[in-house]
Protein backbone atom coordinates (compact mmCIF):
# COMPACT_ATOMS: atom_id res chain seq x y z
CA MET A 1 0.11 -0.29 0.44
CA VAL A 2 1.15 3.61 -0.89
CA GLU A 3 -0.60 6.68 1.52
CA ILE A 4 0.23 9.78 -0.44
CA GLY A 5 -0.26 12.28 2.43
CA ALA A 6 -0.09 11.75 6.15
CA ALA A 7 -0.21 14.77 8.07
CA ASP A 8 -0.03 14.09 11.69
CA GLY A 9 -0.12 10.22 10.76
CA GLY A 10 -3.28 9.32 12.44
CA HIS A 11 -4.30 7.43 9.14
CA SER A 12 -1.11 6.26 9.21
CA VAL A 13 -0.82 4.55 12.38
CA ARG A 14 -3.76 2.35 11.36
CA ILE A 15 -3.09 1.35 8.14
CA ALA A 16 0.81 0.09 9.28
CA ARG A 17 -0.97 -1.71 12.21
CA TRP A 18 -3.44 -3.22 9.36
CA CYS A 19 -0.11 -4.08 7.20
CA ARG A 20 1.48 -5.65 10.19
CA GLN A 21 -1.41 -7.85 11.40
CA ASN A 22 -1.78 -8.89 7.57
CA GLN A 23 1.91 -9.14 6.22
CA ALA A 24 1.77 -6.43 4.35
CA LYS A 25 3.82 -3.25 3.52
CA LEU A 26 3.09 0.48 3.46
CA GLU A 27 4.76 3.08 1.94
CA VAL A 28 4.25 6.72 2.95
CA ILE A 29 4.98 10.12 1.21
CA ASP A 30 5.12 13.32 2.95
CA PRO A 31 7.41 15.98 2.26
CA LEU A 32 6.86 17.61 5.53
CA PRO A 33 5.47 14.62 8.02
CA ASP A 34 3.95 16.14 11.41
CA PHE A 35 4.62 13.16 13.66
CA ASP A 36 7.82 11.17 14.63
CA VAL A 37 8.67 9.14 11.89
CA ASP A 38 11.44 7.27 13.93
CA ALA A 39 9.18 6.04 16.48
CA PHE A 40 6.16 5.10 13.94
CA GLU A 41 8.71 3.21 11.58
CA ALA A 42 10.08 1.38 14.98
CA SER A 43 6.49 0.65 15.81
CA SER A 44 5.46 -0.64 12.45
CA GLN A 45 8.09 -3.88 13.07
CA GLY A 46 9.47 -3.09 9.31
CA HIS A 47 6.08 -2.67 7.72
CA ALA A 48 6.11 0.88 7.39
CA THR A 49 8.50 3.31 5.67
CA VAL A 50 8.12 6.93 5.23
CA HIS A 51 9.64 9.17 2.49
CA ARG A 52 10.09 12.54 2.80
CA ALA A 53 9.79 13.93 -0.45
CA LEU A 54 6.85 15.06 -3.06
CA SER A 55 4.84 12.47 -4.33
CA LEU A 56 6.27 12.93 -7.87
CA GLN A 57 9.70 12.43 -6.92
CA VAL A 58 9.39 8.65 -5.75
CA LEU A 59 5.47 7.19 -6.47
CA ALA A 60 7.09 5.27 -9.40
CA GLY A 61 9.95 4.14 -7.45
CA LEU A 62 7.58 2.39 -5.18
CA LEU A 63 5.17 0.18 -7.47
CA PRO A 64 3.83 -1.68 -8.44
CA ALA A 65 1.29 -1.55 -5.04
CA ASP A 66 -2.13 -3.18 -4.92
CA VAL A 67 -3.63 -0.08 -3.19
CA VAL A 68 -2.98 4.07 -3.23
CA LEU A 69 -4.50 6.20 -1.45
CA ILE A 70 -4.42 9.73 -2.84
CA ASP A 71 -4.74 12.52 -0.11
CA GLY A 72 -1.79 15.01 -0.61
CA ASP A 73 -1.02 18.37 -2.93
CA HIS A 74 -4.83 18.41 -3.54
CA ASN A 75 -4.71 19.98 -7.26
CA TRP A 76 -4.88 19.29 -11.30
CA TYR A 77 -1.66 19.02 -11.84
CA THR A 78 -0.29 16.99 -8.40
CA VAL A 79 -3.36 14.38 -9.04
CA PHE A 80 -2.88 14.15 -13.05
CA HIS A 81 0.41 13.32 -13.15
CA GLU A 82 0.14 10.53 -9.77
CA LEU A 83 -2.73 8.91 -11.78
CA GLY A 84 -0.46 8.98 -15.17
CA THR A 85 2.54 7.64 -13.13
CA MET A 86 -0.23 4.74 -12.10
CA PHE A 87 -1.81 4.03 -14.77
CA GLY A 88 0.31 5.00 -17.78
CA ALA A 89 -0.41 8.32 -19.96
CA ASP A 90 -2.70 6.62 -21.94
CA GLY A 91 -3.83 3.46 -23.72
CA PRO A 92 -4.74 0.36 -21.82
CA LEU A 93 -3.96 0.32 -18.27
CA PRO A 94 -0.95 -1.58 -17.40
CA ASP A 95 -1.60 -5.49 -15.62
CA HIS A 96 -0.05 -3.80 -12.13
CA ALA A 97 -2.27 -0.78 -12.11
CA PRO A 98 -3.30 -0.50 -8.59
CA ILE A 99 -6.66 0.44 -6.40
CA VAL A 100 -6.58 3.77 -6.20
CA VAL A 101 -8.64 5.97 -3.21
CA CYS A 102 -8.87 9.41 -3.73
CA HIS A 103 -9.97 11.92 -1.16
CA ASP A 104 -10.92 15.84 -1.83
CA VAL A 105 -13.35 14.73 -5.05
CA GLY A 106 -15.83 16.93 -3.89
CA TRP A 107 -16.55 20.56 -2.56
CA PRO A 108 -13.94 22.71 -2.12
CA TYR A 109 -11.48 20.83 -4.03
CA GLY A 110 -12.82 18.92 -6.64
CA ARG A 111 -12.75 21.60 -9.24
CA ARG A 112 -10.53 23.86 -7.56
CA ASP A 113 -6.83 23.57 -7.21
CA LEU A 114 -5.27 24.36 -3.54
CA TYR A 115 -1.44 24.56 -3.31
CA TYR A 116 0.72 23.81 -0.63
CA ALA A 117 3.47 24.79 -2.07
CA PRO A 118 3.13 26.92 -5.27
CA GLU A 119 6.63 27.05 -6.02
CA THR A 120 6.98 23.16 -6.60
CA ILE A 121 4.10 23.21 -9.26
CA PRO A 122 5.10 24.42 -12.75
CA GLU A 123 4.09 27.79 -13.57
CA ALA A 124 1.89 26.76 -17.35
CA TYR A 125 -0.06 24.42 -14.80
CA ARG A 126 -0.90 26.78 -12.13
CA GLN A 127 -3.95 28.58 -11.70
CA PRO A 128 -4.16 31.64 -10.66
CA HIS A 129 -3.73 32.14 -6.78
CA ARG A 130 -3.82 33.59 -3.57
CA LYS A 131 -4.68 32.94 -0.26
CA GLY A 132 -8.02 33.48 1.11
CA PRO A 133 -11.38 31.64 2.63
CA LEU A 134 -13.89 29.62 0.26
CA ARG A 135 -17.82 29.28 0.70
CA PRO A 136 -19.44 26.77 -1.35
CA GLU A 137 -22.03 29.35 -2.82
CA ILE A 138 -19.03 31.58 -4.58
CA ALA A 139 -16.65 30.59 -7.15
CA GLY A 140 -14.16 33.11 -6.40
CA LEU A 141 -12.30 33.97 -3.03
CA ALA A 142 -15.14 34.80 0.11
CA GLU A 143 -14.10 37.33 2.76
CA SER A 144 -14.86 34.26 5.03
CA GLY A 145 -14.82 30.62 5.26
CA LEU A 146 -13.00 27.43 5.25
CA ASN A 147 -9.07 27.21 4.78
CA PRO A 148 -8.34 31.25 4.86
CA GLU A 149 -4.77 30.17 5.10
CA GLY A 150 -4.72 28.05 1.94
CA TRP A 151 -3.12 29.14 -1.59
CA HIS A 152 -6.04 28.65 -3.76
CA ALA A 153 -7.40 29.40 -7.46
CA GLU A 154 -9.09 32.24 -7.55
CA ARG A 155 -11.83 30.89 -9.46
CA GLU A 156 -13.27 27.34 -9.07
CA GLY A 157 -14.05 25.41 -12.15
CA GLY A 158 -12.82 25.21 -15.63
CA PRO A 159 -10.06 23.47 -17.20
CA ARG A 160 -6.97 21.65 -15.56
CA ASN A 161 -8.46 22.79 -12.16
CA GLY A 162 -9.38 20.50 -9.18
CA VAL A 163 -8.73 16.83 -7.79
CA ARG A 164 -12.13 15.87 -9.26
CA THR A 165 -11.07 17.38 -13.19
CA ALA A 166 -7.50 15.57 -13.27
CA ILE A 167 -9.19 11.93 -11.87
CA GLN A 168 -11.52 12.65 -15.15
CA ASP A 169 -8.78 14.03 -17.25
CA ALA A 170 -6.39 11.22 -16.54
CA LEU A 171 -8.85 8.31 -17.34
CA ALA A 172 -10.49 10.12 -20.29
CA GLY A 173 -11.16 7.60 -23.20
CA ARG A 174 -10.23 4.49 -20.67
CA THR A 175 -13.29 5.09 -18.09
CA ASP A 176 -14.55 1.45 -19.81
CA GLN A 177 -11.35 -0.21 -17.99
CA VAL A 178 -12.14 0.99 -14.37
CA ARG A 179 -14.83 1.07 -12.12
CA ILE A 180 -15.15 4.96 -10.17
CA VAL A 181 -17.40 4.59 -7.12
CA TRP A 182 -18.00 8.15 -6.00
CA LEU A 183 -18.81 9.05 -2.40
CA ASP A 184 -20.35 12.29 -1.62
CA VAL A 185 -19.38 12.52 1.82
CA LEU A 186 -16.53 14.36 3.95
CA PHE A 187 -15.65 16.37 0.92
CA GLY A 188 -15.39 13.59 -1.21
CA LEU A 189 -13.86 10.21 -1.93
CA ALA A 190 -13.71 8.21 -5.13
CA VAL A 191 -12.58 4.35 -5.49
CA ILE A 192 -10.90 3.60 -8.46
CA ALA A 193 -10.73 0.14 -9.46
CA PRO A 194 -9.33 -1.66 -12.18
CA LEU A 195 -11.99 -4.22 -13.74
CA HIS A 196 -8.91 -6.33 -14.21
CA ARG A 197 -8.83 -6.59 -10.34
CA LEU A 198 -12.46 -6.92 -10.21
CA GLU A 199 -12.83 -9.69 -11.97
CA ALA A 200 -9.75 -11.45 -9.97
CA SER A 201 -11.60 -10.82 -6.62
CA PRO A 202 -15.62 -11.28 -6.76
CA ALA A 203 -15.12 -10.19 -3.09
CA LEU A 204 -13.65 -6.46 -4.02
CA ALA A 205 -16.42 -6.08 -6.43
CA GLN A 206 -18.97 -7.05 -3.86
CA VAL A 207 -17.39 -3.97 -1.62
CA LEU A 208 -17.50 -1.56 -4.40
CA ASP A 209 -21.33 -2.92 -4.57
CA ASP A 210 -22.02 -2.28 -0.91
CA LEU A 211 -20.45 1.16 -1.72
CA GLU A 212 -22.52 2.42 -4.36
CA LEU A 213 -25.66 3.70 -2.92
CA SER A 214 -28.92 4.60 -4.97
CA ARG A 215 -30.04 7.84 -7.26
CA ASN A 216 -32.33 8.37 -3.63
CA TRP A 217 -29.63 7.75 -0.96
CA LYS A 218 -26.97 9.99 -3.02
CA SER A 219 -29.40 12.84 -2.93
CA ILE A 220 -29.71 11.88 1.15
CA ALA A 221 -25.72 12.06 1.41
CA ARG A 222 -25.31 15.38 -0.78
CA MET A 223 -27.85 17.10 1.45
CA VAL A 224 -26.20 16.05 4.43
CA GLU A 225 -22.77 16.86 2.93
CA GLN A 226 -24.40 20.08 2.08
CA GLU A 227 -25.71 20.94 5.66
CA ARG A 228 -22.40 19.67 7.43
CA ILE A 229 -20.23 22.05 4.79
CA GLY A 230 -22.62 25.11 5.85
CA ALA A 231 -22.26 24.35 9.73
CA ALA A 232 -18.22 24.21 9.07
CA VAL A 233 -18.35 27.68 7.19
CA GLY A 234 -20.58 29.27 9.72
CA ALA A 235 -18.43 28.26 12.46
CA SER A 236 -15.48 29.68 10.29
CA ARG A 237 -17.24 32.80 10.17
CA LEU A 238 -18.25 33.04 13.42
CA ALA A 239 -14.45 32.93 14.49
CA ALA A 240 -13.35 35.11 12.03
CA LEU A 241 -16.19 37.78 13.11
CA THR A 242 -15.10 37.55 16.75
CA GLY A 243 -11.53 37.45 16.38
CA PHE A 244 -11.80 33.95 18.27
CA ALA A 245 -9.32 31.66 16.16
CA PRO A 246 -5.82 32.85 17.95
CA VAL A 247 -2.75 33.96 15.04
CA SER A 248 0.24 33.40 16.54
CA PRO A 249 2.96 36.22 15.49
CA PRO A 250 5.78 35.23 13.29
CA GLY A 251 9.16 33.19 14.34
CA ALA A 252 9.56 32.52 17.92
CA ARG A 253 6.22 32.82 20.35
CA PRO A 254 6.35 36.43 22.08
CA PHE A 255 5.52 36.48 25.35
CA THR A 256 2.62 39.10 24.37
CA THR A 257 -0.88 38.72 24.59
CA ASP A 258 -4.19 39.72 22.76
CA VAL A 259 -5.56 41.03 25.25
CA PRO A 260 -5.44 44.82 25.82
CA GLN A 261 -3.93 46.55 29.24
CA ARG A 262 -7.09 48.32 30.23
CA LEU A 263 -9.14 44.61 30.14
CA LEU A 264 -5.94 43.48 31.77
CA ALA A 265 -6.45 45.48 34.98
CA THR A 266 -9.85 45.20 34.86
CA ILE A 267 -9.91 41.31 35.04
CA GLN A 268 -7.35 41.63 37.54
CA HIS A 269 -9.39 43.70 39.87
CA GLY A 270 -12.27 41.00 39.17
CA LEU A 271 -9.84 37.98 40.10
CA GLN A 272 -8.95 39.58 43.11
CA GLY A 273 -12.34 39.16 44.92
CA PHE A 274 -13.15 36.17 43.66
CA ARG A 275 -13.31 33.23 46.31
CA TYR A 276 -13.68 29.19 46.65
CA LYS A 277 -15.38 28.24 49.84
CA ASN A 278 -14.75 31.77 51.20
CA ARG A 279 -10.93 31.80 50.55
CA SER A 280 -9.55 33.67 47.58
CA MET A 281 -8.16 32.04 44.65
CA VAL A 282 -6.87 34.86 42.20
CA LEU A 283 -7.21 32.85 39.57
CA SER A 284 -8.40 34.59 36.02
CA PRO A 285 -11.71 32.86 34.66
CA PHE A 286 -9.47 31.87 31.40
CA ASP A 287 -6.85 30.27 33.43
CA MET A 288 -9.84 28.45 35.47
CA ALA A 289 -10.83 27.07 32.44
CA ASN A 290 -7.89 25.77 31.05
CA LEU A 291 -7.06 24.58 34.50
CA GLN A 292 -9.63 22.63 34.91
CA ALA A 293 -9.67 20.85 31.02
CA LEU A 294 -6.02 19.89 31.88
CA ILE A 295 -7.15 18.48 35.18
CA GLU A 296 -9.44 16.40 33.32
CA GLN A 297 -7.17 15.64 30.09
CA LEU A 298 -3.98 15.08 32.06
CA ARG A 299 -5.42 13.33 34.84
CA PRO A 300 -3.01 14.42 37.64
CA ARG A 301 -2.51 12.10 40.67
CA THR A 302 0.08 14.83 42.65
CA ILE A 303 -0.19 18.72 42.12
CA PHE A 304 2.23 20.94 43.37
CA GLU A 305 1.18 24.47 44.58
CA ILE A 306 4.60 26.59 45.20
CA GLY A 307 2.59 29.73 46.58
CA VAL A 308 -0.89 28.93 48.45
CA PHE A 309 -1.98 32.35 49.84
CA GLU A 310 -5.26 31.77 51.12
CA GLY A 311 -5.33 28.10 49.70
CA GLY A 312 -8.61 28.43 47.42
CA ARG A 313 -7.31 27.17 44.57
CA CYS A 314 -6.17 23.88 46.53
CA LEU A 315 -9.37 23.80 47.88
CA TRP A 316 -10.91 23.76 44.28
CA MET A 317 -8.27 21.68 42.81
CA ALA A 318 -9.03 18.68 45.05
CA ASP A 319 -12.80 19.03 44.80
CA ALA A 320 -12.06 19.02 41.00
CA MET A 321 -9.47 15.90 41.58
CA ARG A 322 -12.81 14.25 43.14
CA ALA A 323 -15.20 15.10 40.76
CA HIS A 324 -13.02 13.13 37.75
CA ALA A 325 -12.59 10.25 40.07
CA ILE A 326 -8.59 10.96 40.22
CA GLU A 327 -6.97 8.97 43.05
CA GLY A 328 -4.22 11.88 44.15
CA ARG A 329 -3.30 14.84 46.60
CA VAL A 330 -2.55 18.57 46.55
CA ILE A 331 0.93 19.50 48.19
CA GLY A 332 1.22 23.21 48.80
CA VAL A 333 4.14 25.20 49.73
CA ASP A 334 4.06 28.73 51.29
CA LEU A 335 6.11 30.84 53.36
CA THR A 336 2.93 31.70 55.63
CA PRO A 337 0.83 28.54 54.95
CA PRO A 338 -3.10 28.81 55.62
CA ALA A 339 -4.46 27.29 58.67
CA ASP A 340 -7.48 25.13 58.79
CA LEU A 341 -7.64 23.81 55.09
CA ASP A 342 -9.55 20.29 56.29
CA ASP A 343 -9.42 18.38 53.44
CA PRO A 344 -7.99 14.92 53.28
CA LEU A 345 -6.61 15.47 49.84
CA ILE A 346 -4.62 18.64 50.93
CA GLU A 347 -1.06 18.83 52.53
CA ILE A 348 0.41 22.22 53.69
CA ARG A 349 3.66 22.83 53.96
CA ALA A 350 6.13 25.91 55.22
CA GLY A 351 9.25 26.81 52.78
CA ASP A 352 10.42 29.12 50.58
CA ALA A 353 10.23 28.63 46.81
CA THR A 354 14.13 29.55 46.65
CA ASN A 355 14.53 26.62 48.63
CA LEU A 356 12.41 23.87 47.84
CA ALA A 357 15.38 20.92 48.68
CA ALA A 358 14.62 22.21 52.34
CA VAL A 359 10.89 21.12 51.89
CA PHE A 360 10.85 17.93 49.72
CA ASP A 361 13.13 14.67 50.41
CA GLN A 362 14.05 14.53 47.09
CA ARG A 363 13.49 10.51 46.86
CA TRP A 364 10.63 10.86 48.89
CA LEU A 365 9.12 12.61 45.37
CA GLU A 366 10.31 10.27 43.25
CA THR A 367 7.59 7.61 45.75
CA LEU A 368 4.36 10.15 44.61
CA PRO A 369 2.01 8.66 41.99
CA ARG A 370 2.16 10.60 38.23
CA PRO A 371 1.77 12.39 36.66
CA PHE A 372 2.97 15.78 38.36
CA LEU A 373 1.18 18.99 37.93
CA VAL A 374 3.62 21.62 39.26
CA ILE A 375 2.28 25.06 39.60
CA GLU A 376 4.67 27.80 40.09
CA ASP A 377 2.54 30.82 41.99
CA SER A 378 4.58 32.27 44.31
CA ALA A 379 6.92 35.77 44.39
CA HIS A 380 6.70 36.43 40.85
CA THR A 381 10.24 37.42 40.63
CA LEU A 382 13.00 35.99 38.27
CA GLU A 383 15.25 34.54 40.92
CA VAL A 384 11.66 32.82 41.99
CA SER A 385 10.17 31.31 39.63
CA ALA A 386 13.58 29.91 37.43
CA ALA A 387 14.48 28.62 41.46
CA VAL A 388 11.38 26.64 41.13
CA LEU A 389 11.69 25.30 37.40
CA ASP A 390 15.50 24.16 37.91
CA PHE A 391 14.15 22.14 41.30
CA PHE A 392 11.08 20.29 39.76
CA ASP A 393 13.04 19.82 36.17
CA PRO A 394 15.36 16.69 37.04
CA HIS A 395 12.11 15.20 38.79
CA LEU A 396 9.87 15.70 36.24
CA ARG A 397 8.99 13.11 33.68
CA THR A 398 7.22 12.66 30.01
CA GLY A 399 3.76 13.54 30.35
CA ASP A 400 4.07 15.57 33.68
CA TYR A 401 3.66 19.63 33.74
CA VAL A 402 4.42 22.54 35.22
CA ILE A 403 2.72 26.09 35.02
CA VAL A 404 4.40 28.87 35.69
CA GLU A 405 1.65 31.95 36.54
CA ASP A 406 1.39 35.84 36.11
CA GLY A 407 3.78 36.53 33.46
CA ASN A 408 1.86 39.09 32.46
CA MET A 409 2.33 41.17 35.66
CA ASP A 410 4.86 43.59 33.71
CA SER A 411 1.43 44.61 31.42
CA LEU A 412 -0.08 45.31 35.05
CA THR A 413 2.47 47.10 36.89
CA GLY A 414 5.61 47.68 34.57
CA ASP A 415 7.76 45.73 36.24
CA GLN A 416 10.03 44.17 34.02
CA SER A 417 13.36 42.07 34.10
CA ALA A 418 16.63 43.19 32.50
CA THR A 419 15.31 41.00 28.94
CA GLY A 420 12.35 43.58 29.08
CA LEU A 421 10.00 40.79 30.49
CA SER A 422 8.36 39.98 34.02
CA GLY A 423 10.47 38.05 36.42
CA PRO A 424 8.28 34.62 35.48
CA SER A 425 7.92 35.04 31.46
CA ALA A 426 12.17 35.80 31.90
CA ALA A 427 11.82 32.51 33.69
CA ILE A 428 10.40 30.42 31.43
CA ASP A 429 12.51 32.32 28.60
CA ARG A 430 15.57 31.37 30.15
CA PHE A 431 14.71 28.08 30.96
CA LEU A 432 13.59 27.19 27.40
CA ALA A 433 16.71 28.69 25.86
CA ARG A 434 18.57 25.63 28.18
CA ARG A 435 15.97 22.92 27.98
CA GLY A 436 13.67 23.57 25.04
CA GLU A 437 14.25 20.16 23.46
CA ALA A 438 12.75 18.60 27.23
CA TYR A 439 9.57 20.75 27.40
CA GLU A 440 7.20 22.55 25.28
CA VAL A 441 4.65 25.13 25.16
CA ASP A 442 1.02 23.77 25.36
CA VAL A 443 -0.39 26.32 22.83
CA GLU A 444 -3.75 24.81 23.18
CA ALA A 445 -3.79 26.06 26.56
CA CYS A 446 -2.45 29.41 25.66
CA ASP A 447 -4.50 30.32 22.87
CA ARG A 448 -7.60 28.61 23.76
CA PHE A 449 -9.13 32.25 24.26
CA GLY A 450 -7.09 33.93 21.98
CA PHE A 451 -3.32 34.83 21.43
CA ASN A 452 -2.09 34.28 25.08
CA VAL A 453 -5.18 35.27 26.41
CA THR A 454 -3.97 33.87 30.13
CA SER A 455 -2.31 35.13 33.11
CA ASN A 456 0.62 33.10 31.95
CA PRO A 457 1.69 34.36 28.25
CA ASN A 458 3.78 30.76 27.39
CA GLY A 459 3.56 29.36 31.02
CA TRP A 460 1.65 26.43 30.30
CA LEU A 461 4.66 23.73 29.70
CA LYS A 462 4.62 19.86 29.14
CA ARG A 463 7.39 17.44 29.45
CA ARG A 464 8.22 15.81 26.08
């Protein structure tokens, strides 16, 4: 089997598993695979290989194949020449011609080219194109719609434009040698089976018979697909109108935020008065939502909070663990720990964040259940935040998590380190410069409500 276009490898993993179980081989083609290729190939036990190249550079060398899945560059030139490589330019299909499953034969790319990298397509075959969103009722480019960052043909339809057009052109005059099943779902799917393969495999012919829909069911399928696309376009339009979809500035992630300074100040004023079980939490509504999602997804067994204040968040996190049936504990550290936190899941210790080695026995730390979630929310200075990161770093394993709180403090107070960043942000910046290969910024948490719409810009860190 050959898979053209792997993206994050979610489909590739499933195919590779099938190949391993059935003594088959998978060849994956993708110039920029978005997954750990070495780990994927190792897990396939020799049944899958990834080729980091354009399909037209390597496909011929991977034939013959039994099945080829086309879901790569969705444009006429690429798909037409992929099919030509497999089926020949004209005349009878070769005896080894594969079964081909081709995605995106419906809207939007059935009759419109998409170019991931326009410079890789010869100029004579490139449609006039530019970046812009798509809507099914607009033949040109729209003001809002799907895939706004894609390089799209400026007009839908016409010669040499789109995936479906490429299939029809590649098989012109040879449709009597293949059977094509068109499925108008999930942006369109085409199954192309050479007749000689169907003659050799009645079971395969039966599979295609089962896929074929009656005229009435085809109409229903198209209606459902149109409803699905309409909902997706509506959601994208809402995102465009509200500005909800975060856009990260180019280059390295800055420690800036989409939240205006005046709004930051009013949010800070509101959270100062917010309490849980009559104890201050000092937690913004954005970070309360982020932390709730993180506890549900990570299911931490041990939560460390360095800087407890009145203990409201400790109580809230303990209750969140109970709500998700997590058997764990919350361990807090503060110079002046609060009294009377009557909760069996909570343990509070007196201690200095710059000297956590005096608070925690390091061998004892290794006995605690994982995953760890560490929250650094103490003095908000470079020295203290750096000390907490450096202490926990050797004790964190893959899947553990650390949050450095209140990197937005400079926006509120004007207090900055020599680097121009607040103390917590400067500590993160320095830490990632030294240990960035072992940690990654959790962009989903930072940008859930907009770019760094959190009190902790770039401060949600996952241990790789």
